[in-house]
Amino acid sequence: VTGLPIRHVGECFQRSNDTISRYFRKMVTIFASEPFYSKHVSPPFASSTTTVHPKIMWSHRFWLYFKDAIGAIDGSHIPTSPPLHDCAAYCNRK
């Protein structure tokens, strides 16, 4: 959730990178397993466009990127990187 590398988390909790990595993989496996996932995760209906904010839905600028999205994670930043041939299109001032 914090976006910190394993090295920083290991320093914070005074554990090795291997231990942090091992327990992280265990937690991801638990969260993705069928009993937990089916009980606690409920994605919105893919055919429902009523949950999309009108500013996004009626904007040609935004709808291109959000038209096939079925949900979002609030308050989380997921680091990604585009393919090298598309990097110029994803430049940001920040």
Protein backbone atom coordinates (compact mmCIF):
# COMPACT_ATOMS: atom_id res chain seq x y z
CA VAL A 1 0.00 0.00 0.00
CA THR A 2 2.81 2.40 0.79
CA GLY A 3 4.73 1.82 -2.43
CA LEU A 4 7.99 1.38 -0.54
CA PRO A 5 10.61 -1.04 -1.83
CA ILE A 6 11.24 -4.24 0.10
CA ARG A 7 14.55 -2.83 1.29
CA HIS A 8 12.86 0.10 3.06
CA VAL A 9 10.19 -2.10 4.64
CA GLY A 10 12.90 -4.46 5.85
CA GLU A 11 14.79 -1.57 7.46
CA CYS A 12 11.64 -0.32 9.14
CA PHE A 13 10.78 -3.71 10.67
CA GLN A 14 14.41 -4.83 11.13
CA ARG A 15 13.98 -7.92 8.95
CA SER A 16 15.89 -9.23 5.94
CA ASN A 17 14.70 -8.57 2.39
CA ASP A 18 14.14 -12.30 1.96
CA THR A 19 11.81 -12.45 4.97
CA ILE A 20 9.81 -9.42 3.80
CA SER A 21 9.55 -10.86 0.29
CA ARG A 22 8.48 -14.29 1.57
CA TYR A 23 5.71 -12.91 3.77
CA PHE A 24 4.57 -10.51 1.08
CA ARG A 25 4.12 -13.44 -1.32
CA LYS A 26 2.21 -15.34 1.39
CA MET A 27 -0.16 -12.42 1.94
CA VAL A 28 -0.77 -11.98 -1.80
CA THR A 29 -1.57 -15.70 -2.05
CA ILE A 30 -4.02 -15.45 0.87
CA PHE A 31 -5.73 -12.35 -0.54
CA ALA A 32 -6.04 -13.93 -3.98
CA SER A 33 -7.34 -17.28 -2.70
CA GLU A 34 -10.94 -18.21 -3.33
CA PRO A 35 -12.42 -18.05 0.22
CA PHE A 36 -11.00 -14.61 0.99
CA TYR A 37 -11.44 -13.15 -2.48
CA SER A 38 -15.02 -14.29 -3.00
CA LYS A 39 -16.07 -13.13 0.49
CA HIS A 40 -14.42 -9.69 0.62
CA VAL A 41 -13.98 -8.53 -3.00
CA SER A 42 -16.96 -7.48 -5.08
CA PRO A 43 -16.10 -5.74 -8.35
CA PRO A 44 -18.73 -3.48 -9.89
CA PHE A 45 -20.76 -4.73 -12.83
CA ALA A 46 -18.84 -4.28 -16.06
CA SER A 47 -21.96 -3.32 -18.02
CA SER A 48 -23.01 -0.63 -15.56
CA THR A 49 -21.96 2.86 -16.67
CA THR A 50 -24.10 4.60 -14.07
CA THR A 51 -21.27 4.50 -11.51
CA VAL A 52 -18.95 6.49 -13.78
CA HIS A 53 -18.82 10.18 -13.02
CA PRO A 54 -20.54 12.19 -15.79
CA LYS A 55 -17.47 14.41 -16.26
CA ILE A 56 -15.45 11.33 -17.20
CA MET A 57 -18.18 9.58 -19.17
CA TRP A 58 -18.98 12.55 -21.43
CA SER A 59 -15.40 13.76 -21.90
CA HIS A 60 -13.68 12.64 -25.09
CA ARG A 61 -10.37 13.22 -23.34
CA PHE A 62 -10.99 10.90 -20.36
CA TRP A 63 -13.50 8.34 -21.63
CA LEU A 64 -10.94 6.91 -24.07
CA TYR A 65 -8.93 5.63 -21.09
CA PHE A 66 -11.77 4.74 -18.70
CA LYS A 67 -14.34 3.12 -21.01
CA ASP A 68 -13.26 -0.48 -20.30
CA ALA A 69 -12.40 -0.02 -16.62
CA ILE A 70 -14.48 -2.03 -14.15
CA GLY A 71 -13.20 -0.42 -10.95
CA ALA A 72 -10.47 1.57 -9.27
CA ILE A 73 -8.42 1.45 -6.12
CA ASP A 74 -8.99 4.59 -4.07
CA GLY A 75 -6.01 6.26 -2.48
CA SER A 76 -3.44 3.85 -3.89
CA HIS A 77 -0.68 4.56 -6.32
CA ILE A 78 0.29 1.68 -8.57
CA PRO A 79 3.64 2.34 -10.25
CA THR A 80 3.69 1.33 -13.91
CA SER A 81 5.84 2.01 -16.89
CA PRO A 82 4.78 2.18 -20.54
CA PRO A 83 6.56 0.39 -23.38
CA LEU A 84 9.64 2.22 -24.63
CA HIS A 85 8.05 3.14 -27.96
CA ASP A 86 5.14 4.87 -26.11
CA CYS A 87 7.13 6.72 -23.42
CA ALA A 88 6.74 10.14 -25.04
CA ALA A 89 2.94 9.90 -24.90
CA TYR A 90 3.04 9.27 -21.13
CA CYS A 91 5.32 12.18 -20.11
CA ASN A 92 4.07 14.15 -17.12
CA ARG A 93 5.22 17.35 -15.54
CA LYS A 94 5.57 15.57 -12.19
